[in-house]
Amino acid sequence: MLRVAVLVSAAAFVVAACTTADEVDQSLSNSAVGVIARGCSLVDAFGTGVALKVDAEFSSPEQTFVATSAHTVAGANEIVVRGADDKEHLASLVAFDADADVAILRVDDLVLNKLSAGTIHRGQPATLTTWNPSTGFDRRKVRVNRPVSVTIEDIYVEDTVTRQGLEINTAVVHGDSGGPVIDNDGQLLGIIYATSRENQLAYAVAATEITMLAERISEVPVNSGRCT
């Protein structure tokens, strides 16, 4: 889990159209997965991921694309996801961006509710979903404090980059990376990648950054880079 200090406030966005409570519950209960990455150490790295609506000409209805944090899967030689069935499903890495700290996985044998990108505004209520291999899924109500443009180092601490994202009013811990922030219309606002230095706030990469990477997904697996 990274820690963020340098923040610049961005402009607010428009609220998305309303959705029923049952549809939102479905988005929360069947869109997130646990992510496990193996190969960088004797202990598995883990985080959370979320299923995306992806328009790729080579994709099929049986495939699900999952967004997670790049630093969770960097250097892995095997990546698996766990859904509500608690079974491991092998995943292929099909997009990787060390600057945005976003990776996209393809899972061929797991059907999930796929989310579209939502819009962000100050004070917006949302739900954060995280996963832990010991305790499973956790969902908590949060609030978006503000949209932000964050200046931070890339996942390899080599270059200074800028990420569009959001600040939310909750503490997060190691392993919460990739946790989806979903608005009350069942749309994805972003995924967690960092905490504040005081661990009182959390920061997420905006869904717009994720959808830009989704436009560049590969038909074949891509390199996971080196371990962080």
C-alpha atoms as a PDB file:
ATOM      1  CA  MET A   1       0.000   0.000   0.000  1.00  0.00           C
ATOM      2  CA  LEU A   2       1.492   3.327  -1.084  1.00  0.00           C
ATOM      3  CA  ARG A   3       1.295   6.595   0.874  1.00  0.00           C
ATOM      4  CA  VAL A   4       0.327   9.884  -0.758  1.00  0.00           C
ATOM      5  CA  ALA A   5       1.309  13.393   0.287  1.00  0.00           C
ATOM      6  CA  VAL A   6       1.129  15.735  -2.754  1.00  0.00           C
ATOM      7  CA  LEU A   7      -2.402  16.557  -3.905  1.00  0.00           C
ATOM      8  CA  VAL A   8      -3.993  19.118  -6.219  1.00  0.00           C
ATOM      9  CA  SER A   9      -7.767  19.452  -6.269  1.00  0.00           C
ATOM     10  CA  ALA A  10      -9.519  18.863  -9.596  1.00  0.00           C
ATOM     11  CA  ALA A  11     -12.890  20.104 -10.853  1.00  0.00           C
ATOM     12  CA  ALA A  12     -16.068  18.303  -9.796  1.00  0.00           C
ATOM     13  CA  PHE A  13     -18.027  16.127 -12.225  1.00  0.00           C
ATOM     14  CA  VAL A  14     -21.716  15.425 -12.871  1.00  0.00           C
ATOM     15  CA  VAL A  15     -23.715  12.754 -11.016  1.00  0.00           C
ATOM     16  CA  ALA A  16     -24.742   9.648 -12.987  1.00  0.00           C
ATOM     17  CA  ALA A  17     -28.355   8.601 -13.586  1.00  0.00           C
ATOM     18  CA  CYS A  18     -30.208   6.753 -10.833  1.00  0.00           C
ATOM     19  CA  THR A  19     -30.361   2.968 -10.500  1.00  0.00           C
ATOM     20  CA  THR A  20     -32.521   0.794  -8.250  1.00  0.00           C
ATOM     21  CA  ALA A  21     -31.209  -0.431  -4.907  1.00  0.00           C
ATOM     22  CA  ASP A  22     -31.433  -4.085  -6.046  1.00  0.00           C
ATOM     23  CA  GLU A  23     -29.264  -3.351  -9.091  1.00  0.00           C
ATOM     24  CA  VAL A  24     -26.678  -1.630  -6.907  1.00  0.00           C
ATOM     25  CA  ASP A  25     -26.620  -4.587  -4.512  1.00  0.00           C
ATOM     26  CA  GLN A  26     -25.992  -6.885  -7.480  1.00  0.00           C
ATOM     27  CA  SER A  27     -23.099  -4.685  -8.616  1.00  0.00           C
ATOM     28  CA  LEU A  28     -21.526  -4.875  -5.176  1.00  0.00           C
ATOM     29  CA  SER A  29     -22.042  -8.586  -4.555  1.00  0.00           C
ATOM     30  CA  ASN A  30     -20.911  -9.984  -7.894  1.00  0.00           C
ATOM     31  CA  SER A  31     -18.390  -7.581  -9.398  1.00  0.00           C
ATOM     32  CA  ALA A  32     -15.391  -7.751  -7.033  1.00  0.00           C
ATOM     33  CA  VAL A  33     -12.818 -10.527  -6.790  1.00  0.00           C
ATOM     34  CA  GLY A  34      -9.797 -11.299  -4.689  1.00  0.00           C
ATOM     35  CA  VAL A  35      -6.483 -11.180  -6.559  1.00  0.00           C
ATOM     36  CA  ILE A  36      -3.481 -13.341  -5.666  1.00  0.00           C
ATOM     37  CA  ALA A  37      -0.076 -12.882  -7.320  1.00  0.00           C
ATOM     38  CA  ARG A  38       2.668 -15.477  -6.967  1.00  0.00           C
ATOM     39  CA  GLY A  39       6.346 -15.532  -7.793  1.00  0.00           C
ATOM     40  CA  CYS A  40       7.950 -12.491  -6.163  1.00  0.00           C
ATOM     41  CA  SER A  41       8.456 -13.985  -2.711  1.00  0.00           C
ATOM     42  CA  LEU A  42       7.591 -17.005  -0.619  1.00  0.00           C
ATOM     43  CA  VAL A  43       4.462 -15.155   0.519  1.00  0.00           C
ATOM     44  CA  ASP A  44       1.710 -14.470  -2.026  1.00  0.00           C
ATOM     45  CA  ALA A  45       0.836 -10.850  -2.753  1.00  0.00           C
ATOM     46  CA  PHE A  46      -2.878 -10.142  -2.632  1.00  0.00           C
ATOM     47  CA  GLY A  47      -5.367  -7.396  -3.366  1.00  0.00           C
ATOM     48  CA  THR A  48      -8.800  -6.863  -4.855  1.00  0.00           C
ATOM     49  CA  GLY A  49     -10.087  -6.493  -8.393  1.00  0.00           C
ATOM     50  CA  VAL A  50     -13.287  -5.466 -10.158  1.00  0.00           C
ATOM     51  CA  ALA A  51     -14.933  -6.654 -13.365  1.00  0.00           C
ATOM     52  CA  LEU A  52     -15.091  -4.123 -16.208  1.00  0.00           C
ATOM     53  CA  LYS A  53     -17.285  -3.655 -19.239  1.00  0.00           C
ATOM     54  CA  VAL A  54     -14.735  -3.932 -22.045  1.00  0.00           C
ATOM     55  CA  ASP A  55     -15.447  -3.511 -25.745  1.00  0.00           C
ATOM     56  CA  ALA A  56     -12.746  -5.533 -27.490  1.00  0.00           C
ATOM     57  CA  GLU A  57     -13.318  -7.202 -30.847  1.00  0.00           C
ATOM     58  CA  PHE A  58     -11.422 -10.308 -29.758  1.00  0.00           C
ATOM     59  CA  SER A  59     -13.278 -10.769 -26.432  1.00  0.00           C
ATOM     60  CA  SER A  60     -16.047 -13.311 -25.875  1.00  0.00           C
ATOM     61  CA  PRO A  61     -19.031 -13.449 -23.493  1.00  0.00           C
ATOM     62  CA  GLU A  62     -17.278 -16.175 -21.494  1.00  0.00           C
ATOM     63  CA  GLN A  63     -14.361 -13.875 -20.669  1.00  0.00           C
ATOM     64  CA  THR A  64     -14.255 -11.366 -17.845  1.00  0.00           C
ATOM     65  CA  PHE A  65     -11.765  -8.485 -17.633  1.00  0.00           C
ATOM     66  CA  VAL A  66     -10.724  -7.465 -14.129  1.00  0.00           C
ATOM     67  CA  ALA A  67      -8.981  -4.230 -13.105  1.00  0.00           C
ATOM     68  CA  THR A  68      -6.570  -4.280 -10.178  1.00  0.00           C
ATOM     69  CA  SER A  69      -3.475  -2.431  -8.957  1.00  0.00           C
ATOM     70  CA  ALA A  70      -0.320  -2.890 -11.033  1.00  0.00           C
ATOM     71  CA  HIS A  71       1.895  -2.998  -7.941  1.00  0.00           C
ATOM     72  CA  THR A  72      -0.011  -6.056  -6.676  1.00  0.00           C
ATOM     73  CA  VAL A  73       0.719  -8.185  -9.750  1.00  0.00           C
ATOM     74  CA  ALA A  74       4.083  -6.713 -10.836  1.00  0.00           C
ATOM     75  CA  GLY A  75       6.642  -9.466 -11.453  1.00  0.00           C
ATOM     76  CA  ALA A  76       4.178 -12.294 -10.827  1.00  0.00           C
ATOM     77  CA  ASN A  77       4.562 -15.549 -12.713  1.00  0.00           C
ATOM     78  CA  GLU A  78       1.066 -16.698 -11.757  1.00  0.00           C
ATOM     79  CA  ILE A  79      -2.067 -14.661 -11.036  1.00  0.00           C
ATOM     80  CA  VAL A  80      -5.355 -16.098  -9.816  1.00  0.00           C
ATOM     81  CA  VAL A  81      -8.632 -14.520  -8.736  1.00  0.00           C
ATOM     82  CA  ARG A  82     -11.256 -15.665  -6.253  1.00  0.00           C
ATOM     83  CA  GLY A  83     -14.908 -14.783  -6.658  1.00  0.00           C
ATOM     84  CA  ALA A  84     -17.879 -15.397  -4.406  1.00  0.00           C
ATOM     85  CA  ASP A  85     -17.438 -19.152  -4.984  1.00  0.00           C
ATOM     86  CA  ASP A  86     -14.036 -18.888  -3.178  1.00  0.00           C
ATOM     87  CA  LYS A  87     -12.429 -21.004  -5.924  1.00  0.00           C
ATOM     88  CA  GLU A  88      -9.197 -20.002  -7.650  1.00  0.00           C
ATOM     89  CA  HIS A  89      -9.502 -19.036 -11.307  1.00  0.00           C
ATOM     90  CA  LEU A  90      -6.365 -18.596 -13.386  1.00  0.00           C
ATOM     91  CA  ALA A  91      -5.993 -15.071 -14.819  1.00  0.00           C
ATOM     92  CA  SER A  92      -3.923 -13.708 -17.700  1.00  0.00           C
ATOM     93  CA  LEU A  93      -2.381 -10.235 -17.546  1.00  0.00           C
ATOM     94  CA  VAL A  94      -3.507  -8.347 -20.675  1.00  0.00           C
ATOM     95  CA  ALA A  95      -2.665  -4.712 -19.802  1.00  0.00           C
ATOM     96  CA  PHE A  96      -0.164  -3.158 -17.383  1.00  0.00           C
ATOM     97  CA  ASP A  97       0.583   0.503 -16.594  1.00  0.00           C
ATOM     98  CA  ALA A  98       3.217   1.227 -13.944  1.00  0.00           C
ATOM     99  CA  ASP A  99       2.534   4.980 -14.105  1.00  0.00           C
ATOM    100  CA  ALA A 100      -1.210   4.762 -13.476  1.00  0.00           C
ATOM    101  CA  ASP A 101      -0.750   1.740 -11.164  1.00  0.00           C
ATOM    102  CA  VAL A 102      -3.431  -0.183 -13.029  1.00  0.00           C
ATOM    103  CA  ALA A 103      -3.397  -3.698 -14.446  1.00  0.00           C
ATOM    104  CA  ILE A 104      -6.117  -5.561 -16.324  1.00  0.00           C
ATOM    105  CA  LEU A 105      -6.571  -9.318 -16.117  1.00  0.00           C
ATOM    106  CA  ARG A 106      -8.554 -11.686 -18.319  1.00  0.00           C
ATOM    107  CA  VAL A 107     -10.381 -14.570 -16.661  1.00  0.00           C
ATOM    108  CA  ASP A 108     -11.910 -17.174 -18.964  1.00  0.00           C
ATOM    109  CA  ASP A 109     -14.015 -19.225 -16.563  1.00  0.00           C
ATOM    110  CA  LEU A 110     -15.690 -16.806 -14.164  1.00  0.00           C
ATOM    111  CA  VAL A 111     -18.879 -14.840 -14.838  1.00  0.00           C
ATOM    112  CA  LEU A 112     -19.114 -11.507 -12.995  1.00  0.00           C
ATOM    113  CA  ASN A 113     -21.275  -8.405 -13.133  1.00  0.00           C
ATOM    114  CA  LYS A 114     -19.265  -6.001 -15.293  1.00  0.00           C
ATOM    115  CA  LEU A 115     -19.213  -2.316 -14.322  1.00  0.00           C
ATOM    116  CA  SER A 116     -19.038   0.860 -16.380  1.00  0.00           C
ATOM    117  CA  ALA A 117     -17.187   4.000 -15.310  1.00  0.00           C
ATOM    118  CA  GLY A 118     -19.165   6.488 -13.242  1.00  0.00           C
ATOM    119  CA  THR A 119     -18.619  10.190 -12.643  1.00  0.00           C
ATOM    120  CA  ILE A 120     -17.153  11.802  -9.536  1.00  0.00           C
ATOM    121  CA  HIS A 121     -18.235  14.759  -7.396  1.00  0.00           C
ATOM    122  CA  ARG A 122     -17.528  16.096  -3.922  1.00  0.00           C
ATOM    123  CA  GLY A 123     -19.402  14.504  -1.051  1.00  0.00           C
ATOM    124  CA  GLN A 124     -20.555  11.559  -3.143  1.00  0.00           C
ATOM    125  CA  PRO A 125     -21.652   8.465  -1.162  1.00  0.00           C
ATOM    126  CA  ALA A 126     -20.117   5.185  -2.312  1.00  0.00           C
ATOM    127  CA  THR A 127     -19.163   1.687  -1.210  1.00  0.00           C
ATOM    128  CA  LEU A 128     -15.611   0.357  -0.957  1.00  0.00           C
ATOM    129  CA  THR A 129     -15.133  -3.394  -1.370  1.00  0.00           C
ATOM    130  CA  THR A 130     -11.900  -5.093  -0.282  1.00  0.00           C
ATOM    131  CA  TRP A 131     -10.803  -8.724  -0.026  1.00  0.00           C
ATOM    132  CA  ASN A 132      -8.479 -10.614   2.267  1.00  0.00           C
ATOM    133  CA  PRO A 133      -7.591 -14.324   1.845  1.00  0.00           C
ATOM    134  CA  SER A 134      -8.232 -14.910   5.558  1.00  0.00           C
ATOM    135  CA  THR A 135     -11.495 -13.025   6.011  1.00  0.00           C
ATOM    136  CA  GLY A 136     -12.980 -12.773   2.517  1.00  0.00           C
ATOM    137  CA  PHE A 137     -14.868  -9.717   1.267  1.00  0.00           C
ATOM    138  CA  ASP A 138     -15.536  -6.575   3.289  1.00  0.00           C
ATOM    139  CA  ARG A 139     -17.841  -3.774   2.192  1.00  0.00           C
ATOM    140  CA  ARG A 140     -18.053  -0.393   3.864  1.00  0.00           C
ATOM    141  CA  LYS A 141     -19.875   2.842   3.177  1.00  0.00           C
ATOM    142  CA  VAL A 142     -17.556   5.736   2.341  1.00  0.00           C
ATOM    143  CA  ARG A 143     -17.756   9.293   1.014  1.00  0.00           C
ATOM    144  CA  VAL A 144     -15.792  10.900  -1.797  1.00  0.00           C
ATOM    145  CA  ASN A 145     -14.125  13.959  -0.303  1.00  0.00           C
ATOM    146  CA  ARG A 146     -13.034  15.345  -3.666  1.00  0.00           C
ATOM    147  CA  PRO A 147     -11.676  14.475  -7.096  1.00  0.00           C
ATOM    148  CA  VAL A 148      -7.895  14.903  -7.142  1.00  0.00           C
ATOM    149  CA  SER A 149      -4.905  15.032  -9.425  1.00  0.00           C
ATOM    150  CA  VAL A 150      -2.091  13.288  -7.555  1.00  0.00           C
ATOM    151  CA  THR A 151       1.622  13.786  -8.214  1.00  0.00           C
ATOM    152  CA  ILE A 152       3.412  10.654  -7.070  1.00  0.00           C
ATOM    153  CA  GLU A 153       6.200   8.260  -8.026  1.00  0.00           C
ATOM    154  CA  ASP A 154       5.449   5.306 -10.275  1.00  0.00           C
ATOM    155  CA  ILE A 155       5.252   1.839  -8.755  1.00  0.00           C
ATOM    156  CA  TYR A 156       9.012   1.343  -9.221  1.00  0.00           C
ATOM    157  CA  VAL A 157       9.873   4.696  -7.569  1.00  0.00           C
ATOM    158  CA  GLU A 158      11.745   5.780 -10.705  1.00  0.00           C
ATOM    159  CA  ASP A 159       9.660   8.540 -12.310  1.00  0.00           C
ATOM    160  CA  THR A 160       7.262  11.226 -11.086  1.00  0.00           C
ATOM    161  CA  VAL A 161       3.811  10.795 -12.588  1.00  0.00           C
ATOM    162  CA  THR A 162       0.362  12.369 -12.293  1.00  0.00           C
ATOM    163  CA  ARG A 163      -2.776  10.300 -11.738  1.00  0.00           C
ATOM    164  CA  GLN A 164      -6.388  11.403 -11.849  1.00  0.00           C
ATOM    165  CA  GLY A 165      -8.312   9.982  -8.943  1.00  0.00           C
ATOM    166  CA  LEU A 166     -10.396  10.546  -5.861  1.00  0.00           C
ATOM    167  CA  GLU A 167      -9.885  10.968  -2.143  1.00  0.00           C
ATOM    168  CA  ILE A 168     -12.210   9.062   0.172  1.00  0.00           C
ATOM    169  CA  ASN A 169     -12.805   9.349   3.906  1.00  0.00           C
ATOM    170  CA  THR A 170     -11.654   5.951   5.116  1.00  0.00           C
ATOM    171  CA  ALA A 171      -8.520   4.225   6.345  1.00  0.00           C
ATOM    172  CA  VAL A 172      -7.111   1.347   4.321  1.00  0.00           C
ATOM    173  CA  VAL A 173      -4.447  -1.263   5.049  1.00  0.00           C
ATOM    174  CA  HIS A 174      -1.945  -3.381   3.178  1.00  0.00           C
ATOM    175  CA  GLY A 175      -3.852  -5.716   0.852  1.00  0.00           C
ATOM    176  CA  ASP A 176      -6.705  -3.274   0.168  1.00  0.00           C
ATOM    177  CA  SER A 177      -5.106  -2.148  -3.117  1.00  0.00           C
ATOM    178  CA  GLY A 178      -7.382  -2.643  -6.112  1.00  0.00           C
ATOM    179  CA  GLY A 179     -10.507  -2.358  -3.975  1.00  0.00           C
ATOM    180  CA  PRO A 180     -13.310  -0.850  -6.106  1.00  0.00           C
ATOM    181  CA  VAL A 181     -15.125   2.315  -5.078  1.00  0.00           C
ATOM    182  CA  ILE A 182     -18.667   1.959  -6.458  1.00  0.00           C
ATOM    183  CA  ASP A 183     -21.244   4.738  -6.438  1.00  0.00           C
ATOM    184  CA  ASN A 184     -24.899   4.438  -5.491  1.00  0.00           C
ATOM    185  CA  ASP A 185     -25.804   3.878  -9.149  1.00  0.00           C
ATOM    186  CA  GLY A 186     -23.669   0.740  -9.309  1.00  0.00           C
ATOM    187  CA  GLN A 187     -20.918   2.354 -11.388  1.00  0.00           C
ATOM    188  CA  LEU A 188     -17.177   2.227 -10.815  1.00  0.00           C
ATOM    189  CA  LEU A 189     -15.497   5.428  -9.583  1.00  0.00           C
ATOM    190  CA  GLY A 190     -11.991   4.024  -9.128  1.00  0.00           C
ATOM    191  CA  ILE A 191      -9.751   1.483  -7.398  1.00  0.00           C
ATOM    192  CA  ILE A 192      -7.708   1.977  -4.225  1.00  0.00           C
ATOM    193  CA  TYR A 193      -3.934   2.284  -4.497  1.00  0.00           C
ATOM    194  CA  ALA A 194      -2.687   4.367  -1.543  1.00  0.00           C
ATOM    195  CA  THR A 195      -3.284   5.773   1.909  1.00  0.00           C
ATOM    196  CA  SER A 196      -2.420   9.177   3.365  1.00  0.00           C
ATOM    197  CA  ARG A 197       0.637   9.466   5.592  1.00  0.00           C
ATOM    198  CA  GLU A 198      -1.594   9.569   8.659  1.00  0.00           C
ATOM    199  CA  ASN A 199      -3.630   6.626   7.305  1.00  0.00           C
ATOM    200  CA  GLN A 200      -6.853   8.590   7.703  1.00  0.00           C
ATOM    201  CA  LEU A 201      -7.717   8.911   4.015  1.00  0.00           C
ATOM    202  CA  ALA A 202      -7.530   6.615   1.003  1.00  0.00           C
ATOM    203  CA  TYR A 203      -6.762   7.402  -2.640  1.00  0.00           C
ATOM    204  CA  ALA A 204      -8.105   5.676  -5.720  1.00  0.00           C
ATOM    205  CA  VAL A 205      -7.176   5.789  -9.394  1.00  0.00           C
ATOM    206  CA  ALA A 206     -10.120   7.241 -11.316  1.00  0.00           C
ATOM    207  CA  ALA A 207     -12.172   4.886 -13.489  1.00  0.00           C
ATOM    208  CA  THR A 208     -11.344   7.109 -16.477  1.00  0.00           C
ATOM    209  CA  GLU A 209      -7.675   6.087 -16.124  1.00  0.00           C
ATOM    210  CA  ILE A 210      -8.755   2.449 -16.030  1.00  0.00           C
ATOM    211  CA  THR A 211     -10.949   2.688 -19.112  1.00  0.00           C
ATOM    212  CA  MET A 212      -8.115   4.338 -21.051  1.00  0.00           C
ATOM    213  CA  LEU A 213      -5.917   1.346 -20.277  1.00  0.00           C
ATOM    214  CA  ALA A 214      -8.777  -1.010 -21.191  1.00  0.00           C
ATOM    215  CA  GLU A 215      -8.698   0.435 -24.696  1.00  0.00           C
ATOM    216  CA  ARG A 216      -5.169  -0.993 -25.019  1.00  0.00           C
ATOM    217  CA  ILE A 217      -5.730  -4.522 -23.747  1.00  0.00           C
ATOM    218  CA  SER A 218      -3.811  -7.230 -25.569  1.00  0.00           C
ATOM    219  CA  GLU A 219      -5.223 -10.360 -27.123  1.00  0.00           C
ATOM    220  CA  VAL A 220      -2.260 -12.282 -25.691  1.00  0.00           C
ATOM    221  CA  PRO A 221      -0.701 -12.013 -22.197  1.00  0.00           C
ATOM    222  CA  VAL A 222       1.697  -9.136 -21.563  1.00  0.00           C
ATOM    223  CA  ASN A 223       4.799  -8.919 -19.392  1.00  0.00           C
ATOM    224  CA  SER A 224       4.168  -8.249 -15.709  1.00  0.00           C
ATOM    225  CA  GLY A 225       7.360  -6.256 -15.325  1.00  0.00           C
ATOM    226  CA  ARG A 226       9.603  -6.838 -12.350  1.00  0.00           C
ATOM    227  CA  CYS A 227       8.724  -7.259  -8.706  1.00  0.00           C
ATOM    228  CA  THR A 228       8.184  -4.065  -6.687  1.00  0.00           C
END
